[in-house]
Amino acid sequence: MDIQTLQFGLLDPAQWGGTTVTGLRIVVIVVAAWIVIGILQRLIRLFRERLASRMGDPEAVKRAATLGRVFRYLVAVVVSLIAGMLVLGEIGISVAPILGAAGVVGLAVGFGAQSLVKDYFAGFFILLEDQIRNGDVVEVAGKSGLVEEITLRYVRLRDYHGSVHYIANGLITTVTNMSRGFAQSVVDVGIAYREDVDEAFGVMREVATAMRADPAFAPRILDDLEIAGVDQLADSAVVLRCRFKVMPLEQWGVRREFLRRLKRAFDERGIEIPFPHVTVYPGVAKDGSAPELRIRQQGGEPGG
C-alpha cells in the first residue's frame, strides 16, 4: 500500500464512521461505569449513614463505617473490571485469552499470597461479626492489650507496658474479649489455718458493701459480692475465692481496691494473712528415736 492510498483511506468517511462509533461506544461504557460506581457507592454511604443514625454505640458506628468503605471498594473494582472487558471487546481484543492468562497469573499469585488473602478474608469476617472493636481489651494470638486499630489486614494492640503488637488477621483463630457487657473481678484471698473462715467471709462482705456505697466505685460494681467459698487448702494458707460483677474494663481496678481495703480490715480484726511456713523434719532412726534438732541463733549459742 503506497502513501497516496493510505491517505485516501484515512479520509474515507466510511472508515471514519466506524472508528467514531467505536470511540463513542467506549466513551459511553466508561461514563456509564463511572455513573454506576458513583450511584452504588452513594447508596452504600446513605445506607450506612441511616444505619448509623439508629445506633447508640459509637463503636458500632465505626464498624459500620469500616464495612461501608470495604463494600464501596468492592463495587468500584467489580464495575471497573466489567467496563474494562467491554472496552477491550469494542476495540477488537478477545477477552477469553486474557481471562485465561489472568487465571493462570491469579493462580500463581494466589499461591504466593495465600497468607495475605487469608488476612483480608479473616479481617472482613472479624468486622462483619463484630468480634473486636476499637477500645476493647482482648487476647488474640497469644497477645493481649487494648485495641487501637482494626483493618482488613491486621489488629493493632497496645499492652500494659506500652508495647504495640501488630497481629495479622489470618493468625487470629480465637478471640478473648474482656470488654463486652460486663466482667467478673475474681479475687483470691489467703488466711492462716488458725483463722475462722466464716469470720473472714463476714469481713469480706463488709468491705464489699462499703465499696458499693462509695460514690467512686458504686457505678463500676453491678452486683453484691459473690463468695464462692474455700477454693483450696494451700501449703501455708486457706484460699478463699470471691468475685464482683463489674462494668467492662473495671475488673482490675475494683480488684486492686478491694484487696487494699481488705488488707486494712484484716489487720484491724487481727486476721492473719500468712507468710509461707516451712516444717523442718530431721528424720527418725530405725529404733524410733529422733535426733535432737539444734538451732543456732544469730550471735548466740545453739539452742534446742
C-alpha atoms as a PDB file:
ATOM      1  CA  MET A   1       0.000   0.000   0.000  1.00  0.00           C
ATOM      2  CA  ASP A   2       1.526   3.334  -1.094  1.00  0.00           C
ATOM      3  CA  ILE A   3       1.293   6.625   0.777  1.00  0.00           C
ATOM      4  CA  GLN A   4      -1.401   8.006  -1.514  1.00  0.00           C
ATOM      5  CA  THR A   5      -3.684   5.022  -0.972  1.00  0.00           C
ATOM      6  CA  LEU A   6      -3.158   5.282   2.797  1.00  0.00           C
ATOM      7  CA  GLN A   7      -4.034   8.969   2.701  1.00  0.00           C
ATOM      8  CA  PHE A   8      -7.239   8.286   0.761  1.00  0.00           C
ATOM      9  CA  GLY A   9      -8.085   5.500   3.214  1.00  0.00           C
ATOM     10  CA  LEU A  10      -7.726   7.811   6.204  1.00  0.00           C
ATOM     11  CA  LEU A  11     -10.008  10.312   4.501  1.00  0.00           C
ATOM     12  CA  ASP A  12     -12.634   7.671   3.718  1.00  0.00           C
ATOM     13  CA  PRO A  13     -15.870   8.663   5.569  1.00  0.00           C
ATOM     14  CA  ALA A  14     -16.856   5.011   5.993  1.00  0.00           C
ATOM     15  CA  GLN A  15     -13.708   4.226   7.907  1.00  0.00           C
ATOM     16  CA  TRP A  16     -14.027   7.416   9.947  1.00  0.00           C
ATOM     17  CA  GLY A  17     -17.643   6.491  10.732  1.00  0.00           C
ATOM     18  CA  GLY A  18     -16.697   3.047  12.103  1.00  0.00           C
ATOM     19  CA  THR A  19     -13.938   4.451  14.266  1.00  0.00           C
ATOM     20  CA  THR A  20     -16.201   7.204  15.567  1.00  0.00           C
ATOM     21  CA  VAL A  21     -18.912   4.742  16.538  1.00  0.00           C
ATOM     22  CA  THR A  22     -16.389   2.544  18.355  1.00  0.00           C
ATOM     23  CA  GLY A  23     -14.966   5.561  20.177  1.00  0.00           C
ATOM     24  CA  LEU A  24     -18.435   6.715  21.176  1.00  0.00           C
ATOM     25  CA  ARG A  25     -19.257   3.258  22.494  1.00  0.00           C
ATOM     26  CA  ILE A  26     -16.086   3.227  24.573  1.00  0.00           C
ATOM     27  CA  VAL A  27     -16.910   6.672  25.944  1.00  0.00           C
ATOM     28  CA  VAL A  28     -20.449   5.546  26.781  1.00  0.00           C
ATOM     29  CA  ILE A  29     -19.106   2.430  28.568  1.00  0.00           C
ATOM     30  CA  VAL A  30     -16.609   4.438  30.603  1.00  0.00           C
ATOM     31  CA  VAL A  31     -19.144   7.130  31.517  1.00  0.00           C
ATOM     32  CA  ALA A  32     -21.797   4.535  32.379  1.00  0.00           C
ATOM     33  CA  ALA A  33     -19.336   2.653  34.584  1.00  0.00           C
ATOM     34  CA  TRP A  34     -18.388   5.889  36.331  1.00  0.00           C
ATOM     35  CA  ILE A  35     -22.057   6.745  36.917  1.00  0.00           C
ATOM     36  CA  VAL A  36     -22.875   3.227  38.165  1.00  0.00           C
ATOM     37  CA  ILE A  37     -19.928   3.287  40.576  1.00  0.00           C
ATOM     38  CA  GLY A  38     -20.990   6.691  41.875  1.00  0.00           C
ATOM     39  CA  ILE A  39     -24.634   5.641  42.335  1.00  0.00           C
ATOM     40  CA  LEU A  40     -23.807   2.357  44.071  1.00  0.00           C
ATOM     41  CA  GLN A  41     -21.235   3.970  46.356  1.00  0.00           C
ATOM     42  CA  ARG A  42     -23.691   6.726  47.238  1.00  0.00           C
ATOM     43  CA  LEU A  43     -26.383   4.144  48.027  1.00  0.00           C
ATOM     44  CA  ILE A  44     -23.950   2.271  50.269  1.00  0.00           C
ATOM     45  CA  ARG A  45     -22.991   5.522  52.001  1.00  0.00           C
ATOM     46  CA  LEU A  46     -26.640   6.525  52.527  1.00  0.00           C
ATOM     47  CA  PHE A  47     -27.476   3.074  53.878  1.00  0.00           C
ATOM     48  CA  ARG A  48     -24.521   3.229  56.253  1.00  0.00           C
ATOM     49  CA  GLU A  49     -25.478   6.711  57.474  1.00  0.00           C
ATOM     50  CA  ARG A  50     -29.096   5.673  58.005  1.00  0.00           C
ATOM     51  CA  LEU A  51     -27.972   2.591  59.875  1.00  0.00           C
ATOM     52  CA  ALA A  52     -25.517   4.600  61.982  1.00  0.00           C
ATOM     53  CA  SER A  53     -28.237   7.096  62.946  1.00  0.00           C
ATOM     54  CA  ARG A  54     -30.125   4.250  64.632  1.00  0.00           C
ATOM     55  CA  MET A  55     -27.094   3.012  66.553  1.00  0.00           C
ATOM     56  CA  GLY A  56     -26.426   4.307  70.016  1.00  0.00           C
ATOM     57  CA  ASP A  57     -22.987   2.724  70.280  1.00  0.00           C
ATOM     58  CA  PRO A  58     -20.152   4.852  68.816  1.00  0.00           C
ATOM     59  CA  GLU A  59     -18.045   1.736  68.237  1.00  0.00           C
ATOM     60  CA  ALA A  60     -20.837   0.136  66.208  1.00  0.00           C
ATOM     61  CA  VAL A  61     -20.912   3.301  64.091  1.00  0.00           C
ATOM     62  CA  LYS A  62     -17.156   2.971  63.472  1.00  0.00           C
ATOM     63  CA  ARG A  63     -17.577  -0.665  62.489  1.00  0.00           C
ATOM     64  CA  ALA A  64     -20.359   0.246  60.061  1.00  0.00           C
ATOM     65  CA  ALA A  65     -18.123   2.929  58.537  1.00  0.00           C
ATOM     66  CA  THR A  66     -15.296   0.417  58.054  1.00  0.00           C
ATOM     67  CA  LEU A  67     -17.604  -2.098  56.386  1.00  0.00           C
ATOM     68  CA  GLY A  68     -19.026   0.678  54.208  1.00  0.00           C
ATOM     69  CA  ARG A  69     -15.560   1.509  52.904  1.00  0.00           C
ATOM     70  CA  VAL A  70     -14.956  -2.152  52.132  1.00  0.00           C
ATOM     71  CA  PHE A  71     -18.184  -2.509  50.131  1.00  0.00           C
ATOM     72  CA  ARG A  72     -17.569   0.732  48.210  1.00  0.00           C
ATOM     73  CA  TYR A  73     -14.116  -0.513  47.255  1.00  0.00           C
ATOM     74  CA  LEU A  74     -15.507  -3.868  46.080  1.00  0.00           C
ATOM     75  CA  VAL A  75     -18.178  -2.134  43.987  1.00  0.00           C
ATOM     76  CA  ALA A  76     -15.546   0.041  42.277  1.00  0.00           C
ATOM     77  CA  VAL A  77     -13.337  -2.970  41.497  1.00  0.00           C
ATOM     78  CA  VAL A  78     -16.132  -5.168  40.117  1.00  0.00           C
ATOM     79  CA  VAL A  79     -17.709  -2.462  37.922  1.00  0.00           C
ATOM     80  CA  SER A  80     -14.291  -1.349  36.635  1.00  0.00           C
ATOM     81  CA  LEU A  81     -13.381  -4.910  35.646  1.00  0.00           C
ATOM     82  CA  ILE A  82     -16.659  -5.357  33.748  1.00  0.00           C
ATOM     83  CA  ALA A  83     -16.200  -1.998  31.984  1.00  0.00           C
ATOM     84  CA  GLY A  84     -12.622  -2.887  31.078  1.00  0.00           C
ATOM     85  CA  MET A  85     -13.702  -6.166  29.459  1.00  0.00           C
ATOM     86  CA  LEU A  86     -16.414  -4.357  27.458  1.00  0.00           C
ATOM     87  CA  VAL A  87     -13.902  -1.761  26.227  1.00  0.00           C
ATOM     88  CA  LEU A  88     -11.481  -4.485  25.133  1.00  0.00           C
ATOM     89  CA  GLY A  89     -14.301  -6.155  23.220  1.00  0.00           C
ATOM     90  CA  GLU A  90     -15.109  -2.893  21.421  1.00  0.00           C
ATOM     91  CA  ILE A  91     -11.561  -2.408  20.158  1.00  0.00           C
ATOM     92  CA  GLY A  92     -11.479  -5.977  18.860  1.00  0.00           C
ATOM     93  CA  ILE A  93      -9.377  -7.668  21.523  1.00  0.00           C
ATOM     94  CA  SER A  94     -10.684 -11.070  22.544  1.00  0.00           C
ATOM     95  CA  VAL A  95     -11.288 -11.271  26.258  1.00  0.00           C
ATOM     96  CA  ALA A  96     -11.115 -15.065  26.512  1.00  0.00           C
ATOM     97  CA  PRO A  97      -7.298 -15.397  26.137  1.00  0.00           C
ATOM     98  CA  ILE A  98      -6.826 -12.533  28.598  1.00  0.00           C
ATOM     99  CA  LEU A  99      -9.115 -14.200  31.113  1.00  0.00           C
ATOM    100  CA  GLY A 100      -7.228 -17.459  30.662  1.00  0.00           C
ATOM    101  CA  ALA A 101      -3.876 -15.773  31.196  1.00  0.00           C
ATOM    102  CA  ALA A 102      -5.267 -13.811  34.126  1.00  0.00           C
ATOM    103  CA  GLY A 103      -6.497 -17.055  35.639  1.00  0.00           C
ATOM    104  CA  VAL A 104      -3.033 -18.594  35.431  1.00  0.00           C
ATOM    105  CA  VAL A 105      -1.392 -15.466  36.830  1.00  0.00           C
ATOM    106  CA  GLY A 106      -4.037 -15.221  39.536  1.00  0.00           C
ATOM    107  CA  LEU A 107      -3.447 -18.831  40.497  1.00  0.00           C
ATOM    108  CA  ALA A 108       0.295 -18.246  40.771  1.00  0.00           C
ATOM    109  CA  VAL A 109      -0.204 -15.048  42.765  1.00  0.00           C
ATOM    110  CA  GLY A 110      -2.772 -16.791  44.928  1.00  0.00           C
ATOM    111  CA  PHE A 111      -0.285 -19.486  45.898  1.00  0.00           C
ATOM    112  CA  GLY A 112       2.337 -16.859  46.664  1.00  0.00           C
ATOM    113  CA  ALA A 113      -0.009 -14.581  48.617  1.00  0.00           C
ATOM    114  CA  GLN A 114      -2.146 -17.099  50.468  1.00  0.00           C
ATOM    115  CA  SER A 115      -1.427 -15.513  53.834  1.00  0.00           C
ATOM    116  CA  LEU A 116      -2.338 -12.039  52.557  1.00  0.00           C
ATOM    117  CA  VAL A 117      -5.646 -13.256  51.114  1.00  0.00           C
ATOM    118  CA  LYS A 118      -6.330 -15.126  54.348  1.00  0.00           C
ATOM    119  CA  ASP A 119      -5.672 -11.944  56.332  1.00  0.00           C
ATOM    120  CA  TYR A 120      -8.207  -9.964  54.299  1.00  0.00           C
ATOM    121  CA  PHE A 121     -10.912 -12.625  54.481  1.00  0.00           C
ATOM    122  CA  ALA A 122     -10.406 -13.092  58.221  1.00  0.00           C
ATOM    123  CA  GLY A 123     -10.434  -9.322  58.782  1.00  0.00           C
ATOM    124  CA  PHE A 124     -13.662  -8.960  56.823  1.00  0.00           C
ATOM    125  CA  PHE A 125     -15.461 -11.525  58.959  1.00  0.00           C
ATOM    126  CA  ILE A 126     -13.991 -10.145  62.202  1.00  0.00           C
ATOM    127  CA  LEU A 127     -15.525  -6.776  61.315  1.00  0.00           C
ATOM    128  CA  LEU A 128     -18.759  -8.254  59.985  1.00  0.00           C
ATOM    129  CA  GLU A 129     -19.346 -10.379  63.088  1.00  0.00           C
ATOM    130  CA  ASP A 130     -18.337  -7.557  65.455  1.00  0.00           C
ATOM    131  CA  GLN A 131     -15.803  -9.699  67.309  1.00  0.00           C
ATOM    132  CA  ILE A 132     -13.463  -6.798  68.117  1.00  0.00           C
ATOM    133  CA  ARG A 133     -13.946  -3.053  68.419  1.00  0.00           C
ATOM    134  CA  ASN A 134     -11.595  -0.138  68.944  1.00  0.00           C
ATOM    135  CA  GLY A 135     -11.068   0.337  72.678  1.00  0.00           C
ATOM    136  CA  ASP A 136     -11.678  -3.308  73.598  1.00  0.00           C
ATOM    137  CA  VAL A 137      -9.223  -5.250  75.729  1.00  0.00           C
ATOM    138  CA  VAL A 138      -8.681  -8.592  74.030  1.00  0.00           C
ATOM    139  CA  GLU A 139      -6.378 -11.574  73.849  1.00  0.00           C
ATOM    140  CA  VAL A 140      -5.586 -12.834  70.349  1.00  0.00           C
ATOM    141  CA  ALA A 141      -2.776 -14.996  69.000  1.00  0.00           C
ATOM    142  CA  GLY A 142      -1.114 -15.145  72.422  1.00  0.00           C
ATOM    143  CA  LYS A 143      -1.029 -11.345  72.840  1.00  0.00           C
ATOM    144  CA  SER A 144      -3.323  -9.200  74.968  1.00  0.00           C
ATOM    145  CA  GLY A 145      -3.891  -5.479  75.177  1.00  0.00           C
ATOM    146  CA  LEU A 146      -6.041  -2.517  74.195  1.00  0.00           C
ATOM    147  CA  VAL A 147      -7.273  -2.499  70.592  1.00  0.00           C
ATOM    148  CA  GLU A 148      -6.096   0.716  68.933  1.00  0.00           C
ATOM    149  CA  GLU A 149      -6.840  -0.073  65.287  1.00  0.00           C
ATOM    150  CA  ILE A 150      -8.626  -2.713  63.221  1.00  0.00           C
ATOM    151  CA  THR A 151      -8.111  -3.062  59.477  1.00  0.00           C
ATOM    152  CA  LEU A 152      -8.828  -5.797  56.980  1.00  0.00           C
ATOM    153  CA  ARG A 153      -5.221  -6.985  57.298  1.00  0.00           C
ATOM    154  CA  TYR A 154      -4.228  -6.610  60.953  1.00  0.00           C
ATOM    155  CA  VAL A 155      -5.241  -5.707  64.510  1.00  0.00           C
ATOM    156  CA  ARG A 156      -3.043  -3.292  66.469  1.00  0.00           C
ATOM    157  CA  LEU A 157      -2.815  -3.856  70.242  1.00  0.00           C
ATOM    158  CA  ARG A 158      -1.041  -1.893  72.957  1.00  0.00           C
ATOM    159  CA  ASP A 159      -0.264  -3.923  76.083  1.00  0.00           C
ATOM    160  CA  TYR A 160       0.040  -2.797  79.708  1.00  0.00           C
ATOM    161  CA  HIS A 161       3.750  -1.993  79.282  1.00  0.00           C
ATOM    162  CA  GLY A 162       3.039   0.236  76.291  1.00  0.00           C
ATOM    163  CA  SER A 163       4.397  -2.181  73.676  1.00  0.00           C
ATOM    164  CA  VAL A 164       2.493  -2.214  70.383  1.00  0.00           C
ATOM    165  CA  HIS A 165       1.664  -5.528  68.698  1.00  0.00           C
ATOM    166  CA  TYR A 166       0.559  -5.872  65.061  1.00  0.00           C
ATOM    167  CA  ILE A 167      -1.279  -9.163  64.610  1.00  0.00           C
ATOM    168  CA  ALA A 168      -2.224 -10.381  61.138  1.00  0.00           C
ATOM    169  CA  ASN A 169      -5.897 -11.303  60.976  1.00  0.00           C
ATOM    170  CA  GLY A 170      -5.050 -14.657  59.428  1.00  0.00           C
ATOM    171  CA  LEU A 171      -3.331 -15.659  62.694  1.00  0.00           C
ATOM    172  CA  ILE A 172      -6.447 -14.971  64.771  1.00  0.00           C
ATOM    173  CA  THR A 173      -8.293 -18.208  65.468  1.00  0.00           C
ATOM    174  CA  THR A 174      -9.694 -17.401  68.918  1.00  0.00           C
ATOM    175  CA  VAL A 175     -10.710 -14.009  70.285  1.00  0.00           C
ATOM    176  CA  THR A 176     -10.988 -13.498  74.050  1.00  0.00           C
ATOM    177  CA  ASN A 177     -12.788 -10.193  74.527  1.00  0.00           C
ATOM    178  CA  MET A 178     -12.771  -8.805  78.074  1.00  0.00           C
ATOM    179  CA  SER A 179     -14.849  -5.715  77.283  1.00  0.00           C
ATOM    180  CA  ARG A 180     -18.351  -6.871  76.395  1.00  0.00           C
ATOM    181  CA  GLY A 181     -21.450  -6.396  78.514  1.00  0.00           C
ATOM    182  CA  PHE A 182     -19.898  -6.945  81.930  1.00  0.00           C
ATOM    183  CA  ALA A 183     -16.865  -8.529  83.546  1.00  0.00           C
ATOM    184  CA  GLN A 184     -16.149 -10.600  86.644  1.00  0.00           C
ATOM    185  CA  SER A 185     -13.461  -9.387  89.027  1.00  0.00           C
ATOM    186  CA  VAL A 186     -12.213 -12.606  90.655  1.00  0.00           C
ATOM    187  CA  VAL A 187     -10.328 -12.230  93.958  1.00  0.00           C
ATOM    188  CA  ASP A 188      -8.427 -14.958  95.834  1.00  0.00           C
ATOM    189  CA  VAL A 189      -7.581 -14.237  99.486  1.00  0.00           C
ATOM    190  CA  GLY A 190      -5.345 -16.368 101.720  1.00  0.00           C
ATOM    191  CA  ILE A 191      -5.823 -16.580 105.507  1.00  0.00           C
ATOM    192  CA  ALA A 192      -3.961 -18.603 108.141  1.00  0.00           C
ATOM    193  CA  TYR A 193      -5.212 -22.067 109.049  1.00  0.00           C
ATOM    194  CA  ARG A 194      -5.929 -20.950 112.601  1.00  0.00           C
ATOM    195  CA  GLU A 195      -8.374 -18.221 111.484  1.00  0.00           C
ATOM    196  CA  ASP A 196     -12.164 -18.585 111.403  1.00  0.00           C
ATOM    197  CA  VAL A 197     -13.250 -18.880 107.772  1.00  0.00           C
ATOM    198  CA  ASP A 198     -16.765 -17.569 108.452  1.00  0.00           C
ATOM    199  CA  GLU A 199     -15.366 -14.511 110.207  1.00  0.00           C
ATOM    200  CA  ALA A 200     -13.161 -13.806 107.197  1.00  0.00           C
ATOM    201  CA  PHE A 201     -16.201 -14.135 104.904  1.00  0.00           C
ATOM    202  CA  GLY A 202     -18.045 -11.595 107.069  1.00  0.00           C
ATOM    203  CA  VAL A 203     -15.195  -9.095 106.800  1.00  0.00           C
ATOM    204  CA  MET A 204     -15.063  -9.569 103.036  1.00  0.00           C
ATOM    205  CA  ARG A 205     -18.792  -8.819 102.766  1.00  0.00           C
ATOM    206  CA  GLU A 206     -18.422  -5.707 104.925  1.00  0.00           C
ATOM    207  CA  VAL A 207     -15.606  -4.373 102.754  1.00  0.00           C
ATOM    208  CA  ALA A 208     -17.576  -5.109  99.578  1.00  0.00           C
ATOM    209  CA  THR A 209     -20.657  -3.323 100.962  1.00  0.00           C
ATOM    210  CA  ALA A 210     -18.582  -0.269 101.821  1.00  0.00           C
ATOM    211  CA  MET A 211     -17.155  -0.207  98.310  1.00  0.00           C
ATOM    212  CA  ARG A 212     -20.621  -0.344  96.756  1.00  0.00           C
ATOM    213  CA  ALA A 213     -21.619   2.608  98.946  1.00  0.00           C
ATOM    214  CA  ASP A 214     -18.584   4.621  97.828  1.00  0.00           C
ATOM    215  CA  PRO A 215     -19.586   7.050  95.021  1.00  0.00           C
ATOM    216  CA  ALA A 216     -16.225   6.454  93.343  1.00  0.00           C
ATOM    217  CA  PHE A 217     -16.878   2.717  92.940  1.00  0.00           C
ATOM    218  CA  ALA A 218     -20.671   2.377  93.020  1.00  0.00           C
ATOM    219  CA  PRO A 219     -21.088   2.933  89.241  1.00  0.00           C
ATOM    220  CA  ARG A 220     -18.420   0.322  88.498  1.00  0.00           C
ATOM    221  CA  ILE A 221     -19.847  -2.540  90.605  1.00  0.00           C
ATOM    222  CA  LEU A 222     -23.064  -4.036  89.230  1.00  0.00           C
ATOM    223  CA  ASP A 223     -23.978  -6.519  91.955  1.00  0.00           C
ATOM    224  CA  ASP A 224     -23.221  -7.625  95.515  1.00  0.00           C
ATOM    225  CA  LEU A 225     -20.106  -9.607  96.284  1.00  0.00           C
ATOM    226  CA  GLU A 226     -20.459 -13.290  95.387  1.00  0.00           C
ATOM    227  CA  ILE A 227     -18.444 -15.566  97.675  1.00  0.00           C
ATOM    228  CA  ALA A 228     -17.588 -18.878  96.068  1.00  0.00           C
ATOM    229  CA  GLY A 229     -16.154 -20.328  99.301  1.00  0.00           C
ATOM    230  CA  VAL A 230     -12.922 -22.119 100.183  1.00  0.00           C
ATOM    231  CA  ASP A 231     -11.094 -22.582  96.900  1.00  0.00           C
ATOM    232  CA  GLN A 232      -8.130 -24.610  98.135  1.00  0.00           C
ATOM    233  CA  LEU A 233      -6.148 -25.662 101.165  1.00  0.00           C
ATOM    234  CA  ALA A 234      -2.702 -24.454 100.194  1.00  0.00           C
ATOM    235  CA  ASP A 235       0.626 -25.200 101.883  1.00  0.00           C
ATOM    236  CA  SER A 236       0.508 -22.199 104.188  1.00  0.00           C
ATOM    237  CA  ALA A 237      -2.961 -20.696 103.758  1.00  0.00           C
ATOM    238  CA  VAL A 238      -6.653 -21.348 103.299  1.00  0.00           C
ATOM    239  CA  VAL A 239      -7.523 -19.680  99.986  1.00  0.00           C
ATOM    240  CA  LEU A 240     -10.944 -18.006  99.812  1.00  0.00           C
ATOM    241  CA  ARG A 241     -12.430 -17.040  96.442  1.00  0.00           C
ATOM    242  CA  CYS A 242     -14.981 -14.347  95.655  1.00  0.00           C
ATOM    243  CA  ARG A 243     -15.929 -12.147  92.716  1.00  0.00           C
ATOM    244  CA  PHE A 244     -17.638  -8.892  91.751  1.00  0.00           C
ATOM    245  CA  LYS A 245     -19.812  -8.347  88.698  1.00  0.00           C
ATOM    246  CA  VAL A 246     -18.471  -5.084  87.276  1.00  0.00           C
ATOM    247  CA  MET A 247     -18.599  -2.838  84.242  1.00  0.00           C
ATOM    248  CA  PRO A 248     -16.327  -3.784  81.324  1.00  0.00           C
ATOM    249  CA  LEU A 249     -12.628  -2.990  81.883  1.00  0.00           C
ATOM    250  CA  GLU A 250     -13.225  -2.214  85.579  1.00  0.00           C
ATOM    251  CA  GLN A 251     -12.324  -5.678  86.886  1.00  0.00           C
ATOM    252  CA  TRP A 252      -8.685  -4.845  87.565  1.00  0.00           C
ATOM    253  CA  GLY A 253      -9.264  -1.550  89.347  1.00  0.00           C
ATOM    254  CA  VAL A 254     -12.038  -2.984  91.524  1.00  0.00           C
ATOM    255  CA  ARG A 255      -9.891  -5.984  92.446  1.00  0.00           C
ATOM    256  CA  ARG A 256      -6.929  -3.824  93.492  1.00  0.00           C
ATOM    257  CA  GLU A 257      -9.081  -1.515  95.622  1.00  0.00           C
ATOM    258  CA  PHE A 258     -10.868  -4.445  97.271  1.00  0.00           C
ATOM    259  CA  LEU A 259      -7.566  -6.076  98.206  1.00  0.00           C
ATOM    260  CA  ARG A 260      -6.247  -2.787  99.603  1.00  0.00           C
ATOM    261  CA  ARG A 261      -9.288  -2.291 101.800  1.00  0.00           C
ATOM    262  CA  LEU A 262      -9.428  -5.950 102.804  1.00  0.00           C
ATOM    263  CA  LYS A 263      -5.800  -5.893 103.949  1.00  0.00           C
ATOM    264  CA  ARG A 264      -6.562  -2.963 106.230  1.00  0.00           C
ATOM    265  CA  ALA A 265      -9.745  -4.641 107.554  1.00  0.00           C
ATOM    266  CA  PHE A 266      -7.916  -7.922 108.260  1.00  0.00           C
ATOM    267  CA  ASP A 267      -5.207  -6.010 110.134  1.00  0.00           C
ATOM    268  CA  GLU A 268      -7.835  -4.259 112.262  1.00  0.00           C
ATOM    269  CA  ARG A 269      -9.540  -7.568 113.110  1.00  0.00           C
ATOM    270  CA  GLY A 270      -6.302  -9.413 113.716  1.00  0.00           C
ATOM    271  CA  ILE A 271      -6.898 -11.885 110.870  1.00  0.00           C
ATOM    272  CA  GLU A 272      -3.561 -13.183 109.670  1.00  0.00           C
ATOM    273  CA  ILE A 273      -2.609 -13.175 106.029  1.00  0.00           C
ATOM    274  CA  PRO A 274       0.132 -15.772 106.381  1.00  0.00           C
ATOM    275  CA  PHE A 275       3.677 -15.929 105.172  1.00  0.00           C
ATOM    276  CA  PRO A 276       4.829 -19.282 103.798  1.00  0.00           C
ATOM    277  CA  HIS A 277       5.503 -21.766 106.608  1.00  0.00           C
ATOM    278  CA  VAL A 278       8.193 -24.462 106.477  1.00  0.00           C
ATOM    279  CA  THR A 279       8.266 -27.506 108.778  1.00  0.00           C
ATOM    280  CA  VAL A 280      11.792 -28.911 109.260  1.00  0.00           C
ATOM    281  CA  TYR A 281      11.765 -32.695 109.704  1.00  0.00           C
ATOM    282  CA  PRO A 282      15.085 -34.172 110.896  1.00  0.00           C
ATOM    283  CA  GLY A 283      14.029 -37.774 110.271  1.00  0.00           C
ATOM    284  CA  VAL A 284      13.551 -40.811 112.559  1.00  0.00           C
ATOM    285  CA  ALA A 285      16.051 -43.578 113.313  1.00  0.00           C
ATOM    286  CA  LYS A 286      15.186 -47.304 112.949  1.00  0.00           C
ATOM    287  CA  ASP A 287      14.640 -47.658 116.692  1.00  0.00           C
ATOM    288  CA  GLY A 288      12.068 -44.844 116.616  1.00  0.00           C
ATOM    289  CA  SER A 289      14.248 -42.201 118.215  1.00  0.00           C
ATOM    290  CA  ALA A 290      14.605 -38.806 116.617  1.00  0.00           C
ATOM    291  CA  PRO A 291      17.833 -36.828 116.647  1.00  0.00           C
ATOM    292  CA  GLU A 292      17.886 -33.603 118.560  1.00  0.00           C
ATOM    293  CA  LEU A 293      17.268 -30.593 116.364  1.00  0.00           C
ATOM    294  CA  ARG A 294      19.510 -27.755 117.441  1.00  0.00           C
ATOM    295  CA  ILE A 295      19.062 -24.254 116.024  1.00  0.00           C
ATOM    296  CA  ARG A 296      21.892 -21.792 116.243  1.00  0.00           C
ATOM    297  CA  GLN A 297      20.579 -18.310 116.926  1.00  0.00           C
ATOM    298  CA  GLN A 298      22.411 -15.397 115.330  1.00  0.00           C
ATOM    299  CA  GLY A 299      25.031 -14.093 117.766  1.00  0.00           C
ATOM    300  CA  GLY A 300      24.243 -16.744 120.399  1.00  0.00           C
ATOM    301  CA  GLU A 301      24.784 -20.342 121.353  1.00  0.00           C
ATOM    302  CA  PRO A 302      22.922 -23.293 119.794  1.00  0.00           C
ATOM    303  CA  GLY A 303      19.545 -23.965 121.365  1.00  0.00           C
ATOM    304  CA  GLY A 304      17.219 -26.948 121.382  1.00  0.00           C
END
